[in-house]
Amino acid sequence: MTVASPQARFTALGLTLPPAPKPIGAYTPALVVGPHLYLSGHLPTLPDGSFIKGRVGCEHDADAGKLAAQQVGLTMLATVIDRLGSLDRVRRVIKVLGMVNSTPEFDKHPHVINGCSELFGSIWGSELGVGVRSAFGVAALPNNVAVEIEAIFELA
């Protein structure tokens, strides 16, 4: 039995990547240190370069927030490919940190960040694609986006 590579799994999903983000401040979107790839906080960038904006619990319900988190995951994948050339260069997801721009009473932050975690699980498999994670709400995010996520990957 042949196991599909992460890049082949992504291609089979038929999803569209947005452009890899360029830094708009004093940081780098991706940094390789030893056997790890660190990604800065990424935003839900659409293929046309615009963002999914608004607060979860107000402009978006939990499921729309989850789709925004999946879009962040796609933006992160664009950065991985831009930096490494292929998703096959990543062995596993180590950590995901997700921040949800939400109303004070919204409490389904883990459900929202599952949008990214489930995407990564579909690419690297449930064992290697789902790492440790934090998911929490914040009062505001840059450009009023719905979700911001950062991650650490182990390189193959």
N, C-alpha and C. Protein backbone atom coordinates (compact mmCIF):
# COMPACT_ATOMS: atom_id res chain seq x y z
N MET A 1 0.84 -1.18 0.00
CA MET A 1 0.00 0.00 0.00
C MET A 1 0.89 1.24 0.00
N THR A 2 0.63 2.16 -0.90
CA THR A 2 1.39 3.40 -1.00
C THR A 2 0.67 4.49 -0.21
N VAL A 3 1.42 5.18 0.62
CA VAL A 3 0.87 6.29 1.38
C VAL A 3 1.17 7.58 0.62
N ALA A 4 0.14 8.36 0.40
CA ALA A 4 0.33 9.62 -0.32
C ALA A 4 1.17 10.58 0.50
N SER A 5 1.97 11.36 -0.19
CA SER A 5 2.78 12.37 0.49
C SER A 5 1.88 13.52 0.95
N PRO A 6 2.35 14.33 1.90
CA PRO A 6 1.56 15.49 2.31
C PRO A 6 1.20 16.41 1.14
N GLN A 7 2.14 16.63 0.23
CA GLN A 7 1.85 17.50 -0.91
C GLN A 7 0.77 16.88 -1.79
N ALA A 8 0.82 15.56 -2.01
CA ALA A 8 -0.20 14.88 -2.81
C ALA A 8 -1.55 14.91 -2.10
N ARG A 9 -1.56 14.75 -0.78
CA ARG A 9 -2.83 14.83 -0.03
C ARG A 9 -3.45 16.21 -0.18
N PHE A 10 -2.61 17.25 -0.08
CA PHE A 10 -3.13 18.60 -0.24
C PHE A 10 -3.72 18.79 -1.63
N THR A 11 -3.01 18.36 -2.64
CA THR A 11 -3.48 18.50 -4.02
C THR A 11 -4.82 17.78 -4.20
N ALA A 12 -4.95 16.61 -3.60
CA ALA A 12 -6.19 15.84 -3.71
C ALA A 12 -7.38 16.54 -3.07
N LEU A 13 -7.13 17.40 -2.09
CA LEU A 13 -8.22 18.13 -1.44
C LEU A 13 -8.84 19.18 -2.37
N GLY A 14 -8.09 19.62 -3.39
CA GLY A 14 -8.60 20.59 -4.35
C GLY A 14 -8.79 21.98 -3.79
N LEU A 15 -8.07 22.32 -2.74
CA LEU A 15 -8.18 23.64 -2.12
C LEU A 15 -7.24 24.63 -2.80
N THR A 16 -7.59 25.90 -2.74
CA THR A 16 -6.79 26.95 -3.36
C THR A 16 -6.01 27.71 -2.29
N LEU A 17 -4.72 27.84 -2.53
CA LEU A 17 -3.88 28.61 -1.61
C LEU A 17 -3.94 30.09 -1.93
N PRO A 18 -3.96 30.91 -0.88
CA PRO A 18 -3.80 32.35 -1.10
C PRO A 18 -2.32 32.64 -1.34
N PRO A 19 -1.98 33.87 -1.67
CA PRO A 19 -0.56 34.20 -1.79
C PRO A 19 0.12 34.12 -0.42
N ALA A 20 1.38 33.70 -0.42
CA ALA A 20 2.15 33.69 0.83
C ALA A 20 2.31 35.13 1.30
N PRO A 21 2.01 35.40 2.57
CA PRO A 21 2.08 36.78 3.04
C PRO A 21 3.51 37.31 3.10
N LYS A 22 3.63 38.58 2.83
CA LYS A 22 4.90 39.28 2.99
C LYS A 22 4.86 40.04 4.31
N PRO A 23 5.97 40.14 5.01
CA PRO A 23 5.95 40.85 6.29
C PRO A 23 5.60 42.32 6.11
N ILE A 24 4.78 42.82 7.03
CA ILE A 24 4.42 44.24 7.02
C ILE A 24 4.93 44.93 8.28
N GLY A 25 5.92 44.32 8.90
CA GLY A 25 6.52 44.86 10.11
C GLY A 25 7.90 44.25 10.29
N ALA A 26 8.42 44.37 11.49
CA ALA A 26 9.77 43.89 11.81
C ALA A 26 9.71 42.44 12.28
N TYR A 27 9.44 41.52 11.35
CA TYR A 27 9.39 40.09 11.64
C TYR A 27 9.55 39.32 10.34
N THR A 28 9.71 38.01 10.44
CA THR A 28 9.73 37.16 9.27
C THR A 28 8.56 36.17 9.39
N PRO A 29 7.87 35.87 8.30
CA PRO A 29 6.75 34.94 8.38
C PRO A 29 7.16 33.51 8.73
N ALA A 30 8.39 33.13 8.38
CA ALA A 30 8.85 31.76 8.62
C ALA A 30 10.33 31.76 8.92
N LEU A 31 10.70 30.90 9.86
CA LEU A 31 12.10 30.82 10.26
C LEU A 31 12.45 29.36 10.54
N VAL A 32 13.49 28.86 9.88
CA VAL A 32 13.98 27.52 10.13
C VAL A 32 15.11 27.61 11.15
N VAL A 33 14.97 26.86 12.24
CA VAL A 33 16.01 26.77 13.27
C VAL A 33 16.21 25.28 13.55
N GLY A 34 17.37 24.77 13.17
CA GLY A 34 17.61 23.34 13.34
C GLY A 34 16.56 22.53 12.60
N PRO A 35 15.97 21.56 13.28
CA PRO A 35 14.98 20.71 12.60
C PRO A 35 13.55 21.24 12.70
N HIS A 36 13.40 22.54 12.97
CA HIS A 36 12.05 23.10 13.16
C HIS A 36 11.78 24.29 12.25
N LEU A 37 10.54 24.41 11.84
CA LEU A 37 10.06 25.57 11.10
C LEU A 37 9.06 26.29 12.00
N TYR A 38 9.34 27.55 12.29
CA TYR A 38 8.46 28.38 13.10
C TYR A 38 7.72 29.33 12.18
N LEU A 39 6.40 29.38 12.31
CA LEU A 39 5.62 30.34 11.54
C LEU A 39 5.08 31.41 12.46
N SER A 40 5.27 32.67 12.07
CA SER A 40 4.68 33.79 12.78
C SER A 40 3.17 33.70 12.68
N GLY A 41 2.48 34.55 13.43
CA GLY A 41 1.03 34.60 13.33
C GLY A 41 0.60 34.90 11.91
N HIS A 42 -0.31 34.08 11.40
CA HIS A 42 -0.85 34.25 10.05
C HIS A 42 -2.31 34.62 10.15
N LEU A 43 -2.79 35.33 9.14
CA LEU A 43 -4.16 35.83 9.10
C LEU A 43 -4.96 35.08 8.04
N PRO A 44 -6.29 35.14 8.09
CA PRO A 44 -7.12 34.45 7.09
C PRO A 44 -7.15 35.21 5.76
N THR A 45 -6.12 34.97 4.96
CA THR A 45 -5.95 35.65 3.68
C THR A 45 -6.66 34.88 2.59
N LEU A 46 -7.47 35.56 1.83
CA LEU A 46 -8.19 34.95 0.71
C LEU A 46 -7.33 34.98 -0.55
N PRO A 47 -7.67 34.17 -1.56
CA PRO A 47 -6.85 34.15 -2.79
C PRO A 47 -6.62 35.51 -3.43
N ASP A 48 -7.55 36.46 -3.25
CA ASP A 48 -7.37 37.80 -3.83
C ASP A 48 -6.54 38.72 -2.94
N GLY A 49 -6.04 38.19 -1.80
CA GLY A 49 -5.20 38.98 -0.90
C GLY A 49 -5.98 39.70 0.19
N SER A 50 -7.30 39.70 0.13
CA SER A 50 -8.10 40.33 1.19
C SER A 50 -8.19 39.38 2.39
N PHE A 51 -8.76 39.88 3.49
CA PHE A 51 -8.85 39.11 4.72
C PHE A 51 -10.30 38.82 5.09
N ILE A 52 -10.49 37.74 5.86
CA ILE A 52 -11.78 37.50 6.50
C ILE A 52 -11.77 38.31 7.78
N LYS A 53 -12.63 39.33 7.83
CA LYS A 53 -12.65 40.26 8.96
C LYS A 53 -13.91 40.08 9.79
N GLY A 54 -13.85 40.56 11.03
CA GLY A 54 -15.01 40.57 11.90
C GLY A 54 -14.84 39.68 13.11
N ARG A 55 -15.68 39.92 14.10
CA ARG A 55 -15.61 39.19 15.37
C ARG A 55 -16.49 37.95 15.33
N VAL A 56 -15.95 36.87 15.87
CA VAL A 56 -16.73 35.64 16.02
C VAL A 56 -17.63 35.83 17.24
N GLY A 57 -18.91 35.52 17.05
CA GLY A 57 -19.89 35.79 18.09
C GLY A 57 -20.68 37.04 17.79
N CYS A 58 -20.27 37.76 16.75
CA CYS A 58 -20.97 38.98 16.32
C CYS A 58 -21.20 38.90 14.81
N GLU A 59 -20.20 39.24 14.01
CA GLU A 59 -20.33 39.15 12.55
C GLU A 59 -20.27 37.72 12.03
N HIS A 60 -19.64 36.82 12.79
CA HIS A 60 -19.48 35.41 12.38
C HIS A 60 -19.98 34.50 13.49
N ASP A 61 -20.61 33.38 13.10
CA ASP A 61 -20.92 32.36 14.09
C ASP A 61 -19.72 31.41 14.20
N ALA A 62 -19.82 30.42 15.07
CA ALA A 62 -18.69 29.52 15.32
C ALA A 62 -18.25 28.78 14.06
N ASP A 63 -19.19 28.35 13.22
CA ASP A 63 -18.81 27.62 12.01
C ASP A 63 -18.14 28.52 10.98
N ALA A 64 -18.58 29.77 10.88
CA ALA A 64 -17.90 30.71 9.98
C ALA A 64 -16.50 31.01 10.51
N GLY A 65 -16.36 31.08 11.84
CA GLY A 65 -15.04 31.25 12.43
C GLY A 65 -14.13 30.07 12.12
N LYS A 66 -14.70 28.87 12.14
CA LYS A 66 -13.94 27.66 11.81
C LYS A 66 -13.44 27.71 10.37
N LEU A 67 -14.28 28.21 9.46
CA LEU A 67 -13.84 28.37 8.07
C LEU A 67 -12.73 29.41 7.96
N ALA A 68 -12.81 30.46 8.77
CA ALA A 68 -11.74 31.47 8.78
C ALA A 68 -10.43 30.84 9.27
N ALA A 69 -10.52 29.97 10.28
CA ALA A 69 -9.31 29.29 10.78
C ALA A 69 -8.75 28.34 9.72
N GLN A 70 -9.61 27.70 8.95
CA GLN A 70 -9.13 26.86 7.85
C GLN A 70 -8.40 27.73 6.83
N GLN A 71 -8.93 28.92 6.58
CA GLN A 71 -8.28 29.84 5.63
C GLN A 71 -6.92 30.28 6.16
N VAL A 72 -6.80 30.47 7.47
CA VAL A 72 -5.48 30.77 8.05
C VAL A 72 -4.55 29.59 7.79
N GLY A 73 -5.05 28.37 7.99
CA GLY A 73 -4.24 27.18 7.73
C GLY A 73 -3.75 27.15 6.29
N LEU A 74 -4.60 27.51 5.35
CA LEU A 74 -4.19 27.56 3.94
C LEU A 74 -3.12 28.63 3.72
N THR A 75 -3.26 29.76 4.40
CA THR A 75 -2.26 30.81 4.30
C THR A 75 -0.92 30.32 4.85
N MET A 76 -0.97 29.57 5.94
CA MET A 76 0.25 29.00 6.52
C MET A 76 0.89 28.00 5.56
N LEU A 77 0.07 27.19 4.90
CA LEU A 77 0.60 26.23 3.93
C LEU A 77 1.27 26.95 2.77
N ALA A 78 0.71 28.08 2.35
CA ALA A 78 1.35 28.88 1.29
C ALA A 78 2.73 29.34 1.73
N THR A 79 2.86 29.72 3.01
CA THR A 79 4.16 30.13 3.54
C THR A 79 5.12 28.95 3.59
N VAL A 80 4.64 27.79 4.03
CA VAL A 80 5.49 26.60 4.08
C VAL A 80 6.04 26.28 2.69
N ILE A 81 5.17 26.28 1.70
CA ILE A 81 5.61 25.97 0.33
C ILE A 81 6.55 27.05 -0.19
N ASP A 82 6.25 28.31 0.10
CA ASP A 82 7.11 29.41 -0.32
C ASP A 82 8.50 29.28 0.30
N ARG A 83 8.56 28.89 1.56
CA ARG A 83 9.84 28.81 2.28
C ARG A 83 10.60 27.52 1.99
N LEU A 84 9.86 26.38 1.91
CA LEU A 84 10.52 25.07 1.80
C LEU A 84 10.39 24.41 0.43
N GLY A 85 9.48 24.89 -0.41
CA GLY A 85 9.30 24.31 -1.73
C GLY A 85 8.24 23.24 -1.81
N SER A 86 7.92 22.57 -0.69
CA SER A 86 6.95 21.49 -0.70
C SER A 86 6.50 21.17 0.73
N LEU A 87 5.25 20.76 0.86
CA LEU A 87 4.75 20.30 2.16
C LEU A 87 5.44 19.01 2.60
N ASP A 88 6.04 18.31 1.65
CA ASP A 88 6.74 17.06 1.97
C ASP A 88 7.97 17.29 2.85
N ARG A 89 8.43 18.52 2.95
CA ARG A 89 9.58 18.84 3.79
C ARG A 89 9.22 18.90 5.28
N VAL A 90 7.92 18.87 5.58
CA VAL A 90 7.45 18.89 6.97
C VAL A 90 7.12 17.47 7.40
N ARG A 91 7.69 17.05 8.53
CA ARG A 91 7.41 15.72 9.06
C ARG A 91 6.17 15.70 9.91
N ARG A 92 6.03 16.72 10.77
CA ARG A 92 4.86 16.74 11.67
C ARG A 92 4.58 18.15 12.18
N VAL A 93 3.36 18.33 12.63
CA VAL A 93 2.94 19.55 13.31
C VAL A 93 3.27 19.36 14.78
N ILE A 94 3.98 20.32 15.37
CA ILE A 94 4.31 20.25 16.79
C ILE A 94 3.31 21.04 17.62
N LYS A 95 3.08 22.30 17.25
CA LYS A 95 2.22 23.17 18.06
C LYS A 95 1.49 24.17 17.19
N VAL A 96 0.24 24.40 17.56
CA VAL A 96 -0.60 25.43 16.94
C VAL A 96 -1.11 26.33 18.06
N LEU A 97 -1.00 27.63 17.87
CA LEU A 97 -1.55 28.60 18.82
C LEU A 97 -2.55 29.45 18.06
N GLY A 98 -3.82 29.37 18.46
CA GLY A 98 -4.88 30.08 17.75
C GLY A 98 -5.54 31.14 18.59
N MET A 99 -5.69 32.32 18.00
CA MET A 99 -6.36 33.45 18.66
C MET A 99 -7.60 33.81 17.86
N VAL A 100 -8.72 33.90 18.56
CA VAL A 100 -10.00 34.19 17.91
C VAL A 100 -10.46 35.59 18.34
N ASN A 101 -10.70 36.44 17.37
CA ASN A 101 -11.25 37.77 17.62
C ASN A 101 -12.73 37.55 17.94
N SER A 102 -13.07 37.58 19.22
CA SER A 102 -14.42 37.17 19.61
C SER A 102 -15.05 38.12 20.63
N THR A 103 -16.35 37.99 20.73
CA THR A 103 -17.09 38.73 21.74
C THR A 103 -16.79 38.11 23.11
N PRO A 104 -16.96 38.86 24.20
CA PRO A 104 -16.64 38.34 25.53
C PRO A 104 -17.42 37.08 25.90
N GLU A 105 -18.65 36.95 25.42
CA GLU A 105 -19.45 35.79 25.79
C GLU A 105 -19.21 34.56 24.91
N PHE A 106 -18.48 34.70 23.80
CA PHE A 106 -18.20 33.55 22.93
C PHE A 106 -17.23 32.61 23.63
N ASP A 107 -17.52 31.30 23.62
CA ASP A 107 -16.67 30.36 24.35
C ASP A 107 -16.31 29.10 23.55
N LYS A 108 -16.44 29.15 22.24
CA LYS A 108 -16.16 27.98 21.42
C LYS A 108 -14.86 28.15 20.62
N HIS A 109 -13.87 28.73 21.26
CA HIS A 109 -12.58 28.97 20.59
C HIS A 109 -11.95 27.68 20.06
N PRO A 110 -11.95 26.57 20.82
CA PRO A 110 -11.39 25.33 20.28
C PRO A 110 -12.09 24.88 19.00
N HIS A 111 -13.42 25.02 18.95
CA HIS A 111 -14.16 24.65 17.74
C HIS A 111 -13.67 25.46 16.54
N VAL A 112 -13.47 26.74 16.74
CA VAL A 112 -13.00 27.61 15.66
C VAL A 112 -11.62 27.15 15.17
N ILE A 113 -10.68 26.96 16.08
CA ILE A 113 -9.30 26.61 15.70
C ILE A 113 -9.22 25.21 15.10
N ASN A 114 -10.24 24.37 15.35
CA ASN A 114 -10.30 23.07 14.68
C ASN A 114 -10.25 23.21 13.17
N GLY A 115 -10.70 24.34 12.63
CA GLY A 115 -10.63 24.55 11.18
C GLY A 115 -9.22 24.40 10.65
N CYS A 116 -8.25 24.91 11.38
CA CYS A 116 -6.84 24.77 11.00
C CYS A 116 -6.32 23.38 11.34
N SER A 117 -6.60 22.93 12.56
CA SER A 117 -6.09 21.62 13.02
C SER A 117 -6.60 20.48 12.15
N GLU A 118 -7.87 20.53 11.77
CA GLU A 118 -8.42 19.47 10.91
C GLU A 118 -7.80 19.50 9.52
N LEU A 119 -7.51 20.70 9.00
CA LEU A 119 -6.83 20.81 7.70
C LEU A 119 -5.46 20.16 7.78
N PHE A 120 -4.69 20.49 8.82
CA PHE A 120 -3.36 19.91 8.97
C PHE A 120 -3.45 18.39 9.14
N GLY A 121 -4.46 17.92 9.89
CA GLY A 121 -4.65 16.48 10.06
C GLY A 121 -4.95 15.79 8.75
N SER A 122 -5.67 16.44 7.85
CA SER A 122 -5.97 15.83 6.55
C SER A 122 -4.74 15.78 5.65
N ILE A 123 -3.74 16.61 5.93
CA ILE A 123 -2.53 16.64 5.10
C ILE A 123 -1.45 15.72 5.65
N TRP A 124 -1.20 15.77 6.95
CA TRP A 124 -0.13 14.96 7.55
C TRP A 124 -0.66 13.75 8.31
N GLY A 125 -1.97 13.55 8.33
CA GLY A 125 -2.57 12.44 9.05
C GLY A 125 -2.85 12.82 10.49
N SER A 126 -3.72 12.06 11.14
CA SER A 126 -4.14 12.42 12.49
C SER A 126 -3.02 12.32 13.51
N GLU A 127 -2.06 11.44 13.29
CA GLU A 127 -0.97 11.30 14.26
C GLU A 127 0.08 12.39 14.10
N LEU A 128 0.46 12.71 12.88
CA LEU A 128 1.51 13.70 12.64
C LEU A 128 0.98 15.10 12.35
N GLY A 129 -0.28 15.21 11.99
CA GLY A 129 -0.84 16.49 11.61
C GLY A 129 -1.50 17.26 12.74
N VAL A 130 -1.71 16.59 13.87
CA VAL A 130 -2.35 17.23 15.01
C VAL A 130 -1.36 17.23 16.17
N GLY A 131 -0.89 18.42 16.51
CA GLY A 131 0.07 18.56 17.60
C GLY A 131 -0.60 19.14 18.83
N VAL A 132 0.20 19.65 19.74
CA VAL A 132 -0.35 20.33 20.91
C VAL A 132 -0.90 21.67 20.45
N ARG A 133 -1.84 22.22 21.26
CA ARG A 133 -2.53 23.41 20.78
C ARG A 133 -3.08 24.25 21.91
N SER A 134 -3.14 25.54 21.67
CA SER A 134 -3.86 26.47 22.53
C SER A 134 -4.83 27.23 21.65
N ALA A 135 -6.02 27.51 22.19
CA ALA A 135 -7.03 28.27 21.46
C ALA A 135 -7.72 29.19 22.46
N PHE A 136 -7.71 30.50 22.17
CA PHE A 136 -8.33 31.43 23.11
C PHE A 136 -8.87 32.65 22.37
N GLY A 137 -9.72 33.37 23.06
CA GLY A 137 -10.31 34.58 22.50
C GLY A 137 -9.53 35.81 22.88
N VAL A 138 -9.56 36.78 21.99
CA VAL A 138 -8.90 38.06 22.24
C VAL A 138 -9.87 39.19 21.88
N ALA A 139 -9.58 40.37 22.41
CA ALA A 139 -10.45 41.53 22.18
C ALA A 139 -10.32 42.11 20.78
N ALA A 140 -9.15 41.94 20.15
CA ALA A 140 -8.93 42.49 18.81
C ALA A 140 -7.74 41.81 18.18
N LEU A 141 -7.72 41.80 16.85
CA LEU A 141 -6.60 41.28 16.07
C LEU A 141 -6.27 42.28 14.96
N PRO A 142 -5.06 42.19 14.38
CA PRO A 142 -4.69 43.13 13.32
C PRO A 142 -5.70 43.14 12.17
N ASN A 143 -5.97 44.31 11.66
CA ASN A 143 -6.90 44.49 10.53
C ASN A 143 -8.30 43.98 10.83
N ASN A 144 -8.63 43.79 12.11
CA ASN A 144 -9.93 43.27 12.53
C ASN A 144 -10.22 41.90 11.93
N VAL A 145 -9.18 41.08 11.70
CA VAL A 145 -9.41 39.73 11.17
C VAL A 145 -10.08 38.86 12.23
N ALA A 146 -10.71 37.79 11.77
CA ALA A 146 -11.45 36.90 12.66
C ALA A 146 -10.53 35.98 13.47
N VAL A 147 -9.41 35.57 12.89
CA VAL A 147 -8.54 34.58 13.51
C VAL A 147 -7.09 34.87 13.15
N GLU A 148 -6.17 34.60 14.09
CA GLU A 148 -4.74 34.61 13.83
C GLU A 148 -4.16 33.35 14.44
N ILE A 149 -3.27 32.68 13.69
CA ILE A 149 -2.69 31.41 14.16
C ILE A 149 -1.19 31.40 13.86
N GLU A 150 -0.43 30.86 14.81
CA GLU A 150 0.99 30.60 14.59
C GLU A 150 1.24 29.11 14.82
N ALA A 151 2.37 28.60 14.32
CA ALA A 151 2.63 27.16 14.45
C ALA A 151 4.12 26.85 14.44
N ILE A 152 4.42 25.67 14.94
CA ILE A 152 5.78 25.10 14.90
C ILE A 152 5.67 23.73 14.26
N PHE A 153 6.56 23.45 13.31
CA PHE A 153 6.58 22.19 12.58
C PHE A 153 7.96 21.53 12.77
N GLU A 154 8.00 20.22 12.74
CA GLU A 154 9.26 19.48 12.68
C GLU A 154 9.53 19.18 11.22
N LEU A 155 10.76 19.43 10.78
CA LEU A 155 11.12 19.20 9.40
C LEU A 155 11.50 17.73 9.16
N ALA A 156 11.25 17.27 7.94
CA ALA A 156 11.58 15.89 7.58
C ALA A 156 13.04 15.78 7.23
